[in-house]
Amino acid sequence: MNRVLLPTVLLLLMLAPPRARAEDPRPTKIGAGFHNYLAPIGVRWWIGENHALDLNVGFRSDESNGERLDQYNFQVGVPIVVGRYGRLAAEVRPGLGYEIQHSPVWNGFAYVVSLDHLIEPQIEFEAEVMVIDHLSLSGAFGLSMIARTQEATDDTQISWATSGGNFANVGFHFYFGGPK
């Protein structure tokens, strides 16, 4: 049911006849929403016409072999508008993610829970479209470096990754109030 509901609503919104207006809608100064599913609670605060600040947090808890494995995510980003095309804004979004997670690590005899710290600087290209007044949908793709330090082994691993290959970087924002 949920797999059909969201695409249906989005299709109806896109097919709805546009209202007569002098200007395409723009985001107001502050909006609630998310940019990435790992940190789904967030705000986007437009500092100026073309610069914003994203602050997002997230939490997840799983259980493995009777152990509770928690994960905390924090993300900050700075969307910079590089072009506007009607309702669509093309943005470059440098950002930084920080994650704390418990993960099982094999020590040679048994699995132990390690506290891992991940630091992830990233650069993304984002398209944000104002679907209706006060509601935007966005999608992003980009590149990130991930520095993962495991407390159990005191080892740091560096890896590179691309983002946007699935729906993990599709987000929305609901903007409050009137014009900026």
Foldseek 3Di string as FASTA:
>chain_A
DVVPVVVVVLVCLQPDDDDDDPAAADFAQKWFFDQFPQFTTWMWGAPDRFKIKIWTKHKDWDDDPNDIKIKIKIKMWIWGFPDDDGQKTKTKIWMKMKMWIWDWDDPPPGTDTWIKIKIKTWIKIKMWGDSDHQKIKMAIKTKIWIWMATPVVRDIDIDMDIDRPDCRRIMMIGHDDDHD
